[in-house]
Protein backbone atom coordinates (compact mmCIF):
# COMPACT_ATOMS: atom_id res chain seq x y z
CA MET A 1 0.00 0.00 0.00
CA THR A 2 1.15 3.54 -0.72
CA SER A 3 0.48 6.90 0.91
CA ALA A 4 -2.38 8.77 -0.78
CA ALA A 5 -1.15 12.06 0.68
CA GLU A 6 2.32 11.53 -0.78
CA THR A 7 1.05 10.79 -4.28
CA GLU A 8 -1.47 13.65 -4.28
CA ILE A 9 1.04 16.30 -3.19
CA LEU A 10 4.03 15.33 -5.33
CA PRO A 11 2.83 12.89 -8.00
CA GLU A 12 5.62 13.66 -10.47
CA LYS A 13 8.37 13.06 -7.92
CA TYR A 14 6.60 9.98 -6.59
CA GLU A 15 6.37 8.48 -10.07
CA GLU A 16 9.97 9.42 -10.80
CA LYS A 17 11.11 7.43 -7.77
CA TYR A 18 8.79 4.44 -7.95
CA VAL A 19 8.30 4.11 -11.71
CA HIS A 20 10.79 5.89 -13.96
CA GLU A 21 13.96 5.32 -11.94
CA VAL A 22 13.04 1.68 -11.46
CA TYR A 23 12.51 0.95 -15.14
CA GLU A 24 15.77 2.63 -16.05
CA GLN A 25 17.58 0.23 -13.72
CA ILE A 26 15.72 -2.96 -14.58
CA ALA A 27 15.35 -2.36 -18.35
CA PRO A 28 17.46 -5.28 -19.68
CA HIS A 29 16.04 -7.77 -17.17
CA PHE A 30 12.48 -6.49 -17.69
CA SER A 31 12.87 -6.69 -21.47
CA SER A 32 14.01 -10.30 -21.27
CA THR A 33 10.62 -11.22 -19.77
CA ARG A 34 8.56 -9.29 -22.33
CA TYR A 35 8.65 -11.01 -25.69
CA LYS A 36 5.28 -12.68 -26.39
CA PRO A 37 2.42 -10.45 -27.65
CA TRP A 38 -0.88 -10.68 -25.78
CA PRO A 39 -3.61 -12.20 -28.01
CA ILE A 40 -6.05 -9.27 -28.07
CA VAL A 41 -3.26 -6.76 -28.71
CA GLU A 42 -1.86 -8.90 -31.50
CA SER A 43 -5.32 -9.29 -33.07
CA PHE A 44 -5.95 -5.53 -32.87
CA LEU A 45 -2.68 -4.79 -34.67
CA ARG A 46 -3.04 -7.52 -37.30
CA ASN A 47 -6.54 -6.36 -38.26
CA LEU A 48 -5.46 -2.81 -39.05
CA SER A 49 -5.68 -1.62 -42.66
CA PRO A 50 -2.39 -1.78 -44.59
CA GLY A 51 -0.64 1.57 -44.54
CA SER A 52 -2.12 2.61 -41.19
CA ILE A 53 0.07 4.82 -39.02
CA GLY A 54 -0.15 4.70 -35.25
CA ILE A 55 1.55 5.10 -31.89
CA ASP A 56 2.55 2.75 -29.09
CA VAL A 57 2.63 4.87 -25.94
CA GLY A 58 4.79 3.23 -23.30
CA CYS A 59 6.21 0.81 -25.85
CA GLY A 60 8.85 -0.62 -23.49
CA ASN A 61 11.19 -2.89 -25.44
CA GLY A 62 9.10 -2.49 -28.60
CA LYS A 63 7.71 -6.02 -28.73
CA TYR A 64 4.53 -4.82 -30.49
CA LEU A 65 6.21 -2.61 -33.10
CA ALA A 66 6.84 -5.40 -35.61
CA VAL A 67 3.69 -7.49 -35.11
CA ASN A 68 2.15 -6.19 -38.36
CA GLN A 69 4.68 -5.32 -41.06
CA ASP A 70 1.97 -3.57 -43.11
CA VAL A 71 1.54 -0.69 -40.65
CA PHE A 72 3.96 1.87 -39.24
CA ILE A 73 4.21 2.57 -35.52
CA VAL A 74 5.92 5.36 -33.62
CA GLY A 75 6.81 3.95 -30.22
CA SER A 76 7.54 6.08 -27.17
CA ASP A 77 8.57 5.46 -23.58
CA ARG A 78 9.96 7.44 -20.64
CA SER A 79 12.78 4.92 -20.18
CA ARG A 80 15.83 5.68 -22.31
CA ASN A 81 17.21 2.23 -21.64
CA LEU A 82 14.05 0.53 -22.89
CA ILE A 83 13.95 2.79 -25.96
CA LYS A 84 17.50 1.73 -26.81
CA ILE A 85 16.17 -1.83 -27.01
CA ALA A 86 13.01 -0.84 -28.89
CA ALA A 87 15.02 1.09 -31.48
CA ALA A 88 16.18 -2.23 -32.93
CA GLN A 89 12.65 -2.85 -34.27
CA GLU A 90 13.29 -1.22 -37.63
CA PRO A 91 11.82 0.39 -39.69
CA HIS A 92 9.63 1.60 -36.84
CA THR A 93 10.61 4.63 -34.79
CA ALA A 94 11.10 4.69 -31.02
CA VAL A 95 11.53 7.93 -29.09
CA VAL A 96 11.85 8.99 -25.46
CA ALA A 97 8.66 10.82 -24.45
CA ASP A 98 6.30 11.32 -21.53
CA LEU A 99 2.75 10.05 -22.08
CA LEU A 100 1.42 13.29 -20.56
CA SER A 101 3.32 15.34 -23.13
CA LEU A 102 3.45 13.38 -26.36
CA PRO A 103 5.50 14.92 -29.22
CA HIS A 104 2.81 14.33 -31.84
CA GLN A 105 0.37 16.54 -33.72
CA ASN A 106 -3.26 16.07 -32.76
CA GLY A 107 -5.61 14.14 -35.00
CA ARG A 108 -2.92 12.47 -37.12
CA PHE A 109 -2.95 8.79 -36.22
CA ASP A 110 -5.12 5.90 -37.34
CA PHE A 111 -4.59 3.92 -34.16
CA ALA A 112 -2.90 3.93 -30.77
CA ILE A 113 -2.02 1.32 -28.19
CA SER A 114 -0.97 1.77 -24.58
CA ILE A 115 -0.39 -1.56 -22.88
CA ALA A 116 0.07 -1.71 -19.09
CA VAL A 117 1.27 1.88 -18.77
CA ILE A 118 -1.39 4.30 -17.52
CA HIS A 119 -1.76 2.41 -14.22
CA HIS A 120 1.69 3.76 -13.25
CA LEU A 121 0.27 7.30 -12.87
CA SER A 122 -0.49 8.03 -9.26
CA THR A 123 -3.61 10.24 -9.36
CA ARG A 124 -6.89 9.82 -11.22
CA GLN A 125 -6.55 13.22 -12.87
CA ARG A 126 -3.14 12.29 -14.27
CA ARG A 127 -4.52 8.99 -15.54
CA ARG A 128 -7.36 10.82 -17.24
CA ASP A 129 -4.94 13.38 -18.65
CA ALA A 130 -2.93 10.51 -20.14
CA LEU A 131 -6.05 9.10 -21.78
CA LYS A 132 -6.87 12.52 -23.21
CA SER A 133 -3.33 12.90 -24.52
CA LEU A 134 -3.69 9.55 -26.27
CA MET A 135 -7.14 10.31 -27.68
CA ASP A 136 -6.06 13.72 -28.95
CA CYS A 137 -3.54 12.02 -31.23
CA LEU A 138 -6.22 10.00 -33.02
CA SER A 139 -7.90 10.92 -36.28
CA ALA A 140 -11.70 11.17 -36.32
CA ASN A 141 -12.08 7.44 -36.98
CA GLY A 142 -8.92 6.35 -35.19
CA ARG A 143 -9.11 3.70 -32.47
CA ALA A 144 -7.09 3.15 -29.32
CA LEU A 145 -6.49 -0.06 -27.37
CA ILE A 146 -5.61 0.45 -23.72
CA TYR A 147 -4.68 -2.11 -21.05
CA VAL A 148 -4.40 -1.54 -17.29
CA TRP A 149 -3.91 -3.88 -14.36
CA ALA A 150 -7.12 -5.04 -12.70
CA LEU A 151 -7.96 -5.03 -9.01
CA GLU A 152 -9.96 -8.21 -9.53
CA GLN A 153 -7.18 -10.81 -9.59
CA LYS A 154 -8.44 -13.24 -6.97
CA GLY A 155 -7.31 -16.26 -8.96
CA SER A 156 -3.77 -14.99 -9.54
CA ARG A 157 -0.72 -15.48 -7.36
CA ARG A 158 -1.01 -11.84 -6.27
CA GLY A 159 -4.40 -12.46 -4.68
CA TRP A 160 -5.87 -8.99 -5.20
CA GLU A 161 -9.65 -8.80 -5.29
CA ALA A 162 -12.57 -6.38 -5.31
CA GLY A 163 -12.69 -4.21 -2.21
CA GLY A 164 -8.93 -4.26 -1.66
CA ASP A 165 -6.40 -1.44 -1.87
CA GLN A 166 -6.17 0.02 -5.36
CA ASP A 167 -2.83 1.80 -4.93
CA VAL A 168 -0.07 -0.72 -4.35
CA MET A 169 3.66 -1.28 -4.54
CA VAL A 170 4.71 -4.28 -6.62
CA PRO A 171 8.22 -5.72 -6.20
CA TRP A 172 10.53 -6.51 -9.09
CA VAL A 173 13.32 -8.92 -8.17
CA MET A 174 16.47 -8.25 -10.17
CA LYS A 175 18.54 -11.40 -10.30
CA SER A 176 22.19 -10.96 -9.42
CA ASN A 177 23.36 -12.15 -12.84
CA TRP A 178 21.62 -9.13 -14.42
CA MET A 179 23.46 -6.59 -12.27
CA LYS A 180 26.94 -5.18 -12.32
CA SER A 181 28.88 -6.72 -9.46
CA ASP A 182 29.48 -3.35 -7.80
CA ILE A 183 25.75 -2.51 -7.58
CA ASN A 184 24.78 -5.25 -5.16
CA PRO A 185 27.57 -7.74 -4.47
CA ASP A 186 25.37 -9.66 -2.03
CA GLY A 187 22.93 -11.00 -4.63
CA ASP A 188 19.44 -10.17 -5.88
CA LYS A 189 17.96 -6.69 -5.51
CA ILE A 190 14.29 -5.80 -5.03
CA PHE A 191 12.79 -2.69 -6.65
CA GLN A 192 9.34 -1.38 -5.72
CA ARG A 193 7.04 -0.14 -8.50
CA TYR A 194 3.83 1.86 -8.05
CA TYR A 195 0.59 0.59 -9.61
CA HIS A 196 -3.00 1.77 -9.51
CA LEU A 197 -5.27 -1.27 -9.77
CA TYR A 198 -8.41 -0.51 -11.76
CA GLN A 199 -11.72 -1.83 -10.52
CA LYS A 200 -14.38 -2.98 -12.98
CA GLY A 201 -15.86 -0.03 -14.89
CA GLU A 202 -13.26 2.51 -13.77
CA LEU A 203 -11.32 2.54 -17.04
CA LEU A 204 -14.55 2.93 -19.01
CA ASP A 205 -15.62 5.88 -16.85
CA ASP A 206 -12.25 7.53 -17.38
CA VAL A 207 -12.44 7.08 -21.16
CA VAL A 208 -15.90 8.67 -21.26
CA SER A 209 -14.70 11.52 -19.02
CA VAL A 210 -12.21 12.63 -21.71
CA ASN A 211 -14.81 12.57 -24.49
CA GLY A 212 -14.05 9.02 -25.56
CA LYS A 213 -16.48 6.46 -26.95
CA VAL A 214 -16.14 2.86 -25.77
CA LEU A 215 -16.33 0.37 -28.66
CA GLU A 216 -15.30 -2.85 -26.90
CA TRP A 217 -13.99 -3.78 -23.50
CA GLY A 218 -13.09 -6.82 -21.49
CA TYR A 219 -10.78 -8.64 -19.10
CA GLU A 220 -7.66 -10.60 -20.04
CA LYS A 221 -4.66 -11.85 -18.08
CA ASP A 222 -5.51 -9.88 -14.91
CA ASN A 223 -6.02 -6.70 -16.95
CA TRP A 224 -8.97 -4.57 -17.99
CA TRP A 225 -8.84 -3.46 -21.61
CA VAL A 226 -10.83 -1.10 -23.79
CA ILE A 227 -10.98 -0.22 -27.47
CA CYS A 228 -12.19 3.34 -27.87
CA GLN A 229 -12.29 6.34 -30.17
CA LYS A 230 -13.15 10.01 -29.98
CA SER A 231 -16.81 10.65 -29.31
CA THR A 232 -18.73 12.59 -31.94
CA VAL A 233 -20.72 14.21 -29.12
CA SER A 234 -18.80 16.83 -27.12
């Protein structure tokens, strides 16, 4: 559990410590565990029209950039070390960028994906701002696919379930063989990462709050997901 007061007062600094700094340090190890596309994400990308141009916000190691060779994706992530890995997914582009301040023109993209990223923002307003930033990039008929961790994970090893704490710290264990010997000569190191766990319906409410229209939604692999686009009603 994390301190609500701490995240509300200094959310940027809190996220810098418990999200951005962590991913910079664990990037190679993290990347080694992220190689298989999730089925719904893969299906979304493979069903895009040839020639479509889109963005992957929080692309990590870029594992989704090359799923469909008939589309072009601009990937972005706050972690420079992850972007170095993603940059190998040519001919796609990978840039360092904050999801709250994307370096793209509004209304230009046919699609967007953001997979397991927005839940790292520590206030609801910042999470909604991230959704708006993503939606603003879409063309009138563009669609976005968004994944966030679910609170309802009773059947998983984590044991989270409805009614529990939604703001949690999740450990990442860095094995000693992934670290330089001078960082932690005594063995493995544990890093704590901040997550907001979404309860059922919360992501949908947030999408609607930023003038988004929900097209499809569901639950997969302990995550809530939504496919959405800009609403024609403002």
